[in-house]
Amino acid sequence: MTDLQPAFILVRPQMGENIGAAARAMLNFGLSHMRLVDPRDGWPNPRAVAMASGAAGRVLDHAGVTGTLPEAIADCAYVFATTARTRDLTKPVMTPERAMEHARALTAAGRKVGILFGPERAGLENEDIARANALISIPVNPDFASLNLGQAVLLCAYEWRRETDGAPPEVLALAGTELAPAIEVEKLGDHYEQRLDEAGFFFPKTKAAGMKLNLRNLWSRMPLTRADVQTLHGVLRQILRRGSDGGQA
């Protein structure tokens, strides 16, 4: 267990299956510090173990169990509470993304963070929320705002992971090739411009410069690989061969 992780604290959870699902969601995103406050069906719970399925069982093996919330958060310097309602209490309200960004900054500074999740039927009570420093409100459909415990844990765990693993928001899978260098894209553009000019494509002449500029922009806008460039050269050559009854491009 690492102190650089937030503690995911399940307050009075009712079903072992949901505790197991929460453990799986946590481990999916590299989290392992679970605490349970007064679980309804006692602890350990075989249904939780069955739902955790394999590796996530170790999250349950090391879960801390307390009888009261104050005991569970005693070492926490900052506590978030997940809730769909503010319950008329004045608190900062954050999205999961913002909350985990703040949690990351706090843990980086050596402060222990706790995140509260309420029981399945009614969520956290006012007495629970009053002990939190800030609220996490998940922006769900207001006409169907109910999330189960495992889903709420997964969303917060995912946002934590996004804040900590440095994964870029988008990558290009190159499938064994590489991006074409600018010179190859330039030659591809020259090839098409030459052949299209010969075919009378750039008409009328007053619009030719703009049409050529748009084509150049088209090539540069696409993340072309070397395989793409070779394919596009080959397409044009084959069209010209067929059009000239065997003539070479």
C-alpha atoms as a PDB file:
ATOM      1  CA  MET A   1       0.000   0.000   0.000  1.00  0.00           C
ATOM      2  CA  THR A   2       1.358   3.383  -0.861  1.00  0.00           C
ATOM      3  CA  ASP A   3       0.688   6.576   1.044  1.00  0.00           C
ATOM      4  CA  LEU A   4       0.867   8.462  -2.247  1.00  0.00           C
ATOM      5  CA  GLN A   5      -2.543   7.074  -3.169  1.00  0.00           C
ATOM      6  CA  PRO A   6      -5.867   8.390  -1.937  1.00  0.00           C
ATOM      7  CA  ALA A   7      -7.914   6.105   0.286  1.00  0.00           C
ATOM      8  CA  PHE A   8     -11.212   5.072  -1.302  1.00  0.00           C
ATOM      9  CA  ILE A   9     -13.576   4.842   1.661  1.00  0.00           C
ATOM     10  CA  LEU A  10     -16.819   2.928   1.261  1.00  0.00           C
ATOM     11  CA  VAL A  11     -19.210   4.144   3.926  1.00  0.00           C
ATOM     12  CA  ARG A  12     -21.707   1.539   5.166  1.00  0.00           C
ATOM     13  CA  PRO A  13     -21.651  -0.494   1.932  1.00  0.00           C
ATOM     14  CA  GLN A  14     -24.584  -2.865   1.691  1.00  0.00           C
ATOM     15  CA  MET A  15     -23.731  -5.552  -0.864  1.00  0.00           C
ATOM     16  CA  GLY A  16     -20.580  -7.624  -1.034  1.00  0.00           C
ATOM     17  CA  GLU A  17     -20.818  -7.703  -4.824  1.00  0.00           C
ATOM     18  CA  ASN A  18     -20.532  -3.923  -4.964  1.00  0.00           C
ATOM     19  CA  ILE A  19     -17.497  -3.935  -2.691  1.00  0.00           C
ATOM     20  CA  GLY A  20     -15.869  -6.473  -4.996  1.00  0.00           C
ATOM     21  CA  ALA A  21     -16.762  -4.409  -8.066  1.00  0.00           C
ATOM     22  CA  ALA A  22     -15.230  -1.345  -6.410  1.00  0.00           C
ATOM     23  CA  ALA A  23     -12.026  -3.296  -5.726  1.00  0.00           C
ATOM     24  CA  ARG A  24     -11.824  -4.325  -9.392  1.00  0.00           C
ATOM     25  CA  ALA A  25     -12.381  -0.754 -10.540  1.00  0.00           C
ATOM     26  CA  MET A  26      -9.653   0.504  -8.223  1.00  0.00           C
ATOM     27  CA  LEU A  27      -7.073  -2.037  -9.356  1.00  0.00           C
ATOM     28  CA  ASN A  28      -7.932  -1.353 -13.016  1.00  0.00           C
ATOM     29  CA  PHE A  29      -6.461   2.094 -12.470  1.00  0.00           C
ATOM     30  CA  GLY A  30      -3.624   1.217 -10.118  1.00  0.00           C
ATOM     31  CA  LEU A  31      -5.280   1.950  -6.781  1.00  0.00           C
ATOM     32  CA  SER A  32      -5.203  -0.399  -3.830  1.00  0.00           C
ATOM     33  CA  HIS A  33      -6.016   1.565  -0.668  1.00  0.00           C
ATOM     34  CA  MET A  34      -9.609   0.689   0.279  1.00  0.00           C
ATOM     35  CA  ARG A  35     -11.291   1.328   3.596  1.00  0.00           C
ATOM     36  CA  LEU A  36     -14.694   0.053   4.719  1.00  0.00           C
ATOM     37  CA  VAL A  37     -16.883   1.762   7.293  1.00  0.00           C
ATOM     38  CA  ASP A  38     -19.376  -0.525   9.036  1.00  0.00           C
ATOM     39  CA  PRO A  39     -20.186  -2.842   6.105  1.00  0.00           C
ATOM     40  CA  ARG A  40     -23.771  -4.051   6.479  1.00  0.00           C
ATOM     41  CA  ASP A  41     -23.067  -7.768   6.049  1.00  0.00           C
ATOM     42  CA  GLY A  42     -19.871  -7.814   8.088  1.00  0.00           C
ATOM     43  CA  TRP A  43     -16.344  -8.529   6.946  1.00  0.00           C
ATOM     44  CA  PRO A  44     -14.838 -10.512   5.287  1.00  0.00           C
ATOM     45  CA  ASN A  45     -17.556 -11.060   2.708  1.00  0.00           C
ATOM     46  CA  PRO A  46     -17.331 -14.048   0.323  1.00  0.00           C
ATOM     47  CA  ARG A  47     -19.499 -12.314  -2.285  1.00  0.00           C
ATOM     48  CA  ALA A  48     -17.057  -9.425  -2.410  1.00  0.00           C
ATOM     49  CA  VAL A  49     -14.169 -11.851  -2.923  1.00  0.00           C
ATOM     50  CA  ALA A  50     -16.018 -13.647  -5.717  1.00  0.00           C
ATOM     51  CA  MET A  51     -16.810 -10.386  -7.499  1.00  0.00           C
ATOM     52  CA  ALA A  52     -13.257  -9.065  -7.127  1.00  0.00           C
ATOM     53  CA  SER A  53     -12.153 -12.017  -9.262  1.00  0.00           C
ATOM     54  CA  GLY A  54      -8.490 -12.845  -8.901  1.00  0.00           C
ATOM     55  CA  ALA A  55      -5.890 -10.103  -8.637  1.00  0.00           C
ATOM     56  CA  ALA A  56      -8.315  -7.517  -7.262  1.00  0.00           C
ATOM     57  CA  GLY A  57      -8.758  -9.755  -4.248  1.00  0.00           C
ATOM     58  CA  ARG A  58      -5.570  -8.311  -2.807  1.00  0.00           C
ATOM     59  CA  VAL A  59      -7.309  -4.927  -2.538  1.00  0.00           C
ATOM     60  CA  LEU A  60      -9.871  -6.606  -0.287  1.00  0.00           C
ATOM     61  CA  ASP A  61      -7.180  -8.505   1.638  1.00  0.00           C
ATOM     62  CA  HIS A  62      -5.624  -5.234   2.736  1.00  0.00           C
ATOM     63  CA  ALA A  63      -8.827  -3.234   3.170  1.00  0.00           C
ATOM     64  CA  GLY A  64      -9.058  -1.409   6.482  1.00  0.00           C
ATOM     65  CA  VAL A  65     -12.328  -1.840   8.373  1.00  0.00           C
ATOM     66  CA  THR A  66     -13.620   0.632  10.944  1.00  0.00           C
ATOM     67  CA  GLY A  67     -16.886   1.041  12.794  1.00  0.00           C
ATOM     68  CA  THR A  68     -17.198   4.792  12.275  1.00  0.00           C
ATOM     69  CA  LEU A  69     -16.323   7.374   9.654  1.00  0.00           C
ATOM     70  CA  PRO A  70     -14.183   9.509  12.001  1.00  0.00           C
ATOM     71  CA  GLU A  71     -11.948   6.482  12.533  1.00  0.00           C
ATOM     72  CA  ALA A  72     -11.659   5.888   8.791  1.00  0.00           C
ATOM     73  CA  ILE A  73     -10.567   9.441   7.997  1.00  0.00           C
ATOM     74  CA  ALA A  74      -8.485  10.097  11.112  1.00  0.00           C
ATOM     75  CA  ASP A  75      -5.200  10.293   9.174  1.00  0.00           C
ATOM     76  CA  CYS A  76      -6.614  12.213   6.195  1.00  0.00           C
ATOM     77  CA  ALA A  77      -5.645  15.830   5.704  1.00  0.00           C
ATOM     78  CA  TYR A  78      -8.290  16.362   3.015  1.00  0.00           C
ATOM     79  CA  VAL A  79     -11.526  14.473   2.376  1.00  0.00           C
ATOM     80  CA  PHE A  80     -13.784  14.447  -0.676  1.00  0.00           C
ATOM     81  CA  ALA A  81     -17.364  13.173  -0.541  1.00  0.00           C
ATOM     82  CA  THR A  82     -19.124  11.874  -3.650  1.00  0.00           C
ATOM     83  CA  THR A  83     -22.755  12.931  -3.703  1.00  0.00           C
ATOM     84  CA  ALA A  84     -25.469  13.917  -6.165  1.00  0.00           C
ATOM     85  CA  ARG A  85     -26.758  16.598  -3.798  1.00  0.00           C
ATOM     86  CA  THR A  86     -25.123  19.331  -1.737  1.00  0.00           C
ATOM     87  CA  ARG A  87     -27.566  18.736   1.123  1.00  0.00           C
ATOM     88  CA  ASP A  88     -27.692  22.464   1.929  1.00  0.00           C
ATOM     89  CA  LEU A  89     -24.135  22.448   3.205  1.00  0.00           C
ATOM     90  CA  THR A  90     -21.655  25.066   2.001  1.00  0.00           C
ATOM     91  CA  LYS A  91     -18.815  23.170   0.343  1.00  0.00           C
ATOM     92  CA  PRO A  92     -16.684  23.449  -2.785  1.00  0.00           C
ATOM     93  CA  VAL A  93     -18.240  21.202  -5.453  1.00  0.00           C
ATOM     94  CA  MET A  94     -15.895  19.689  -8.035  1.00  0.00           C
ATOM     95  CA  THR A  95     -16.143  17.415 -11.029  1.00  0.00           C
ATOM     96  CA  PRO A  96     -14.243  14.125 -10.711  1.00  0.00           C
ATOM     97  CA  GLU A  97     -11.599  15.530 -13.070  1.00  0.00           C
ATOM     98  CA  ARG A  98     -10.987  18.644 -10.966  1.00  0.00           C
ATOM     99  CA  ALA A  99     -11.173  16.706  -7.702  1.00  0.00           C
ATOM    100  CA  MET A 100      -8.527  14.206  -8.762  1.00  0.00           C
ATOM    101  CA  GLU A 101      -6.323  17.003 -10.042  1.00  0.00           C
ATOM    102  CA  HIS A 102      -6.536  18.569  -6.593  1.00  0.00           C
ATOM    103  CA  ALA A 103      -6.031  15.190  -4.918  1.00  0.00           C
ATOM    104  CA  ARG A 104      -2.891  14.642  -6.968  1.00  0.00           C
ATOM    105  CA  ALA A 105      -1.464  17.984  -5.854  1.00  0.00           C
ATOM    106  CA  LEU A 106      -2.268  17.214  -2.222  1.00  0.00           C
ATOM    107  CA  THR A 107      -0.694  13.755  -2.269  1.00  0.00           C
ATOM    108  CA  ALA A 108       2.369  15.106  -4.053  1.00  0.00           C
ATOM    109  CA  ALA A 109       2.766  17.463  -1.107  1.00  0.00           C
ATOM    110  CA  GLY A 110       2.604  14.513   1.289  1.00  0.00           C
ATOM    111  CA  ARG A 111      -0.971  15.007   2.471  1.00  0.00           C
ATOM    112  CA  LYS A 112      -3.247  12.005   2.875  1.00  0.00           C
ATOM    113  CA  VAL A 113      -6.477  12.194   0.871  1.00  0.00           C
ATOM    114  CA  GLY A 114      -9.693  10.279   1.443  1.00  0.00           C
ATOM    115  CA  ILE A 115     -12.615   9.900  -0.961  1.00  0.00           C
ATOM    116  CA  LEU A 116     -15.977   8.905   0.495  1.00  0.00           C
ATOM    117  CA  PHE A 117     -18.571   6.797  -1.303  1.00  0.00           C
ATOM    118  CA  GLY A 118     -21.973   6.324   0.269  1.00  0.00           C
ATOM    119  CA  PRO A 119     -24.181   3.262   0.707  1.00  0.00           C
ATOM    120  CA  GLU A 120     -26.045   2.038  -2.352  1.00  0.00           C
ATOM    121  CA  ARG A 121     -29.589   2.851  -1.292  1.00  0.00           C
ATOM    122  CA  ALA A 122     -29.420   6.504  -0.266  1.00  0.00           C
ATOM    123  CA  GLY A 123     -25.819   7.681  -0.489  1.00  0.00           C
ATOM    124  CA  LEU A 124     -23.944   9.629   2.133  1.00  0.00           C
ATOM    125  CA  GLU A 125     -25.848  11.273   4.982  1.00  0.00           C
ATOM    126  CA  ASN A 126     -25.421  14.870   6.113  1.00  0.00           C
ATOM    127  CA  GLU A 127     -23.322  13.707   9.066  1.00  0.00           C
ATOM    128  CA  ASP A 128     -20.911  12.070   6.628  1.00  0.00           C
ATOM    129  CA  ILE A 129     -20.782  15.009   4.227  1.00  0.00           C
ATOM    130  CA  ALA A 130     -20.195  17.474   7.056  1.00  0.00           C
ATOM    131  CA  ARG A 131     -16.833  15.806   7.664  1.00  0.00           C
ATOM    132  CA  ALA A 132     -15.656  16.311   4.082  1.00  0.00           C
ATOM    133  CA  ASN A 133     -13.660  19.281   2.833  1.00  0.00           C
ATOM    134  CA  ALA A 134     -15.176  19.229  -0.650  1.00  0.00           C
ATOM    135  CA  LEU A 135     -17.781  17.406  -2.711  1.00  0.00           C
ATOM    136  CA  ILE A 136     -17.443  15.477  -5.937  1.00  0.00           C
ATOM    137  CA  SER A 137     -20.475  15.747  -8.190  1.00  0.00           C
ATOM    138  CA  ILE A 138     -20.507  13.503 -11.258  1.00  0.00           C
ATOM    139  CA  PRO A 139     -22.247  15.267 -14.178  1.00  0.00           C
ATOM    140  CA  VAL A 140     -24.820  12.603 -15.040  1.00  0.00           C
ATOM    141  CA  ASN A 141     -28.200  12.783 -16.752  1.00  0.00           C
ATOM    142  CA  PRO A 142     -30.439  14.658 -14.254  1.00  0.00           C
ATOM    143  CA  ASP A 143     -33.386  12.500 -15.309  1.00  0.00           C
ATOM    144  CA  PHE A 144     -31.474   9.343 -14.357  1.00  0.00           C
ATOM    145  CA  ALA A 145     -28.786  10.336 -11.904  1.00  0.00           C
ATOM    146  CA  SER A 146     -28.380   7.011 -10.091  1.00  0.00           C
ATOM    147  CA  LEU A 147     -24.902   5.443 -10.222  1.00  0.00           C
ATOM    148  CA  ASN A 148     -24.074   2.227  -8.446  1.00  0.00           C
ATOM    149  CA  LEU A 149     -21.142   2.077  -6.077  1.00  0.00           C
ATOM    150  CA  GLY A 150     -18.778   0.346  -8.496  1.00  0.00           C
ATOM    151  CA  GLN A 151     -19.491   2.900 -11.238  1.00  0.00           C
ATOM    152  CA  ALA A 152     -18.804   5.862  -8.963  1.00  0.00           C
ATOM    153  CA  VAL A 153     -15.550   4.313  -7.785  1.00  0.00           C
ATOM    154  CA  LEU A 154     -14.502   3.553 -11.360  1.00  0.00           C
ATOM    155  CA  LEU A 155     -15.085   7.124 -12.543  1.00  0.00           C
ATOM    156  CA  CYS A 156     -13.004   8.621  -9.740  1.00  0.00           C
ATOM    157  CA  ALA A 157     -10.284   5.974 -10.131  1.00  0.00           C
ATOM    158  CA  TYR A 158     -10.106   6.667 -13.861  1.00  0.00           C
ATOM    159  CA  GLU A 159      -9.692  10.390 -13.312  1.00  0.00           C
ATOM    160  CA  TRP A 160      -6.981   9.720 -10.728  1.00  0.00           C
ATOM    161  CA  ARG A 161      -5.124   7.585 -13.235  1.00  0.00           C
ATOM    162  CA  ARG A 162      -5.428  10.256 -15.921  1.00  0.00           C
ATOM    163  CA  GLU A 163      -3.849  12.790 -13.569  1.00  0.00           C
ATOM    164  CA  THR A 164      -0.921  10.578 -12.647  1.00  0.00           C
ATOM    165  CA  ASP A 165       0.197   8.344 -15.505  1.00  0.00           C
ATOM    166  CA  GLY A 166       1.107  11.031 -18.054  1.00  0.00           C
ATOM    167  CA  ALA A 167      -0.616   9.212 -20.899  1.00  0.00           C
ATOM    168  CA  PRO A 168      -1.113  11.513 -23.900  1.00  0.00           C
ATOM    169  CA  PRO A 169      -4.777  12.132 -24.787  1.00  0.00           C
ATOM    170  CA  GLU A 170      -4.233  10.839 -28.318  1.00  0.00           C
ATOM    171  CA  VAL A 171      -1.621   8.735 -30.083  1.00  0.00           C
ATOM    172  CA  LEU A 172      -1.316   7.338 -33.598  1.00  0.00           C
ATOM    173  CA  ALA A 173      -0.805   3.576 -33.806  1.00  0.00           C
ATOM    174  CA  LEU A 174       1.552   3.164 -36.763  1.00  0.00           C
ATOM    175  CA  ALA A 175       1.129  -0.607 -37.312  1.00  0.00           C
ATOM    176  CA  GLY A 176       4.710  -1.340 -38.347  1.00  0.00           C
ATOM    177  CA  THR A 177       5.314   1.749 -40.465  1.00  0.00           C
ATOM    178  CA  GLU A 178       6.345   5.328 -39.713  1.00  0.00           C
ATOM    179  CA  LEU A 179       5.138   8.785 -40.524  1.00  0.00           C
ATOM    180  CA  ALA A 180       6.283  10.076 -43.889  1.00  0.00           C
ATOM    181  CA  PRO A 181       8.871  12.878 -43.720  1.00  0.00           C
ATOM    182  CA  ALA A 182       7.912  16.207 -45.219  1.00  0.00           C
ATOM    183  CA  ILE A 183      10.016  15.658 -48.348  1.00  0.00           C
ATOM    184  CA  GLU A 184       8.034  12.532 -49.260  1.00  0.00           C
ATOM    185  CA  VAL A 185       4.720  14.339 -48.747  1.00  0.00           C
ATOM    186  CA  GLU A 186       6.046  17.197 -50.877  1.00  0.00           C
ATOM    187  CA  LYS A 187       6.935  14.810 -53.720  1.00  0.00           C
ATOM    188  CA  LEU A 188       3.511  13.189 -53.472  1.00  0.00           C
ATOM    189  CA  GLY A 189       1.923  16.610 -53.839  1.00  0.00           C
ATOM    190  CA  ASP A 190       4.166  17.355 -56.839  1.00  0.00           C
ATOM    191  CA  HIS A 191       3.167  14.070 -58.493  1.00  0.00           C
ATOM    192  CA  TYR A 192      -0.568  14.680 -58.136  1.00  0.00           C
ATOM    193  CA  GLU A 193      -0.303  18.350 -59.099  1.00  0.00           C
ATOM    194  CA  GLN A 194       1.619  17.480 -62.265  1.00  0.00           C
ATOM    195  CA  ARG A 195      -0.773  14.768 -63.402  1.00  0.00           C
ATOM    196  CA  LEU A 196      -3.895  16.728 -62.514  1.00  0.00           C
ATOM    197  CA  ASP A 197      -2.503  19.726 -64.406  1.00  0.00           C
ATOM    198  CA  GLU A 198      -1.951  17.516 -67.477  1.00  0.00           C
ATOM    199  CA  ALA A 199      -5.534  16.245 -67.163  1.00  0.00           C
ATOM    200  CA  GLY A 200      -6.943  19.779 -67.123  1.00  0.00           C
ATOM    201  CA  PHE A 201      -8.162  19.541 -63.558  1.00  0.00           C
ATOM    202  CA  PHE A 202      -7.077  23.065 -62.585  1.00  0.00           C
ATOM    203  CA  PHE A 203      -9.774  24.990 -64.439  1.00  0.00           C
ATOM    204  CA  PRO A 204     -10.423  27.829 -64.856  1.00  0.00           C
ATOM    205  CA  LYS A 205      -6.910  29.251 -64.694  1.00  0.00           C
ATOM    206  CA  THR A 206      -8.045  32.054 -62.392  1.00  0.00           C
ATOM    207  CA  LYS A 207      -8.803  29.454 -59.690  1.00  0.00           C
ATOM    208  CA  ALA A 208      -5.816  27.187 -60.321  1.00  0.00           C
ATOM    209  CA  ALA A 209      -3.581  28.700 -57.629  1.00  0.00           C
ATOM    210  CA  GLY A 210      -6.264  28.345 -54.949  1.00  0.00           C
ATOM    211  CA  MET A 211      -7.039  24.764 -55.994  1.00  0.00           C
ATOM    212  CA  LYS A 212      -3.365  23.801 -55.792  1.00  0.00           C
ATOM    213  CA  LEU A 213      -3.073  25.438 -52.394  1.00  0.00           C
ATOM    214  CA  ASN A 214      -6.070  23.450 -51.110  1.00  0.00           C
ATOM    215  CA  LEU A 215      -4.517  20.205 -52.350  1.00  0.00           C
ATOM    216  CA  ARG A 216      -1.217  20.985 -50.608  1.00  0.00           C
ATOM    217  CA  ASN A 217      -3.131  21.708 -47.442  1.00  0.00           C
ATOM    218  CA  LEU A 218      -5.012  18.410 -47.786  1.00  0.00           C
ATOM    219  CA  TRP A 219      -1.760  16.392 -47.908  1.00  0.00           C
ATOM    220  CA  SER A 220      -0.242  18.165 -44.931  1.00  0.00           C
ATOM    221  CA  ARG A 221      -3.432  17.882 -42.880  1.00  0.00           C
ATOM    222  CA  MET A 222      -3.409  14.088 -43.044  1.00  0.00           C
ATOM    223  CA  PRO A 223      -0.920  12.185 -40.852  1.00  0.00           C
ATOM    224  CA  LEU A 224       0.430  10.228 -43.831  1.00  0.00           C
ATOM    225  CA  THR A 225       2.696   7.255 -43.265  1.00  0.00           C
ATOM    226  CA  ARG A 226       5.352   6.122 -45.711  1.00  0.00           C
ATOM    227  CA  ALA A 227       3.063   3.222 -46.659  1.00  0.00           C
ATOM    228  CA  ASP A 228       0.248   5.706 -47.344  1.00  0.00           C
ATOM    229  CA  VAL A 229       2.489   7.769 -49.634  1.00  0.00           C
ATOM    230  CA  GLN A 230       3.576   4.708 -51.591  1.00  0.00           C
ATOM    231  CA  THR A 231      -0.033   3.591 -51.958  1.00  0.00           C
ATOM    232  CA  LEU A 232      -1.199   6.986 -53.223  1.00  0.00           C
ATOM    233  CA  HIS A 233       1.640   7.145 -55.777  1.00  0.00           C
ATOM    234  CA  GLY A 234       0.662   3.654 -56.923  1.00  0.00           C
ATOM    235  CA  VAL A 235      -3.023   4.556 -57.213  1.00  0.00           C
ATOM    236  CA  LEU A 236      -2.244   7.480 -59.496  1.00  0.00           C
ATOM    237  CA  ARG A 237       0.186   5.455 -61.652  1.00  0.00           C
ATOM    238  CA  GLN A 238      -2.334   2.663 -62.124  1.00  0.00           C
ATOM    239  CA  ILE A 239      -5.115   5.077 -63.090  1.00  0.00           C
ATOM    240  CA  LEU A 240      -2.841   6.648 -65.693  1.00  0.00           C
ATOM    241  CA  ARG A 241      -1.753   3.262 -67.071  1.00  0.00           C
ATOM    242  CA  ARG A 242      -5.345   2.154 -67.534  1.00  0.00           C
ATOM    243  CA  GLY A 243      -6.276   5.500 -69.054  1.00  0.00           C
ATOM    244  CA  SER A 244      -3.495   5.371 -71.612  1.00  0.00           C
ATOM    245  CA  ASP A 245      -3.878   1.653 -72.479  1.00  0.00           C
ATOM    246  CA  GLY A 246      -0.572   0.607 -71.000  1.00  0.00           C
ATOM    247  CA  GLY A 247       1.355   3.872 -71.102  1.00  0.00           C
ATOM    248  CA  GLN A 248       3.735   4.583 -68.215  1.00  0.00           C
ATOM    249  CA  ALA A 249       3.059   7.323 -65.638  1.00  0.00           C
END
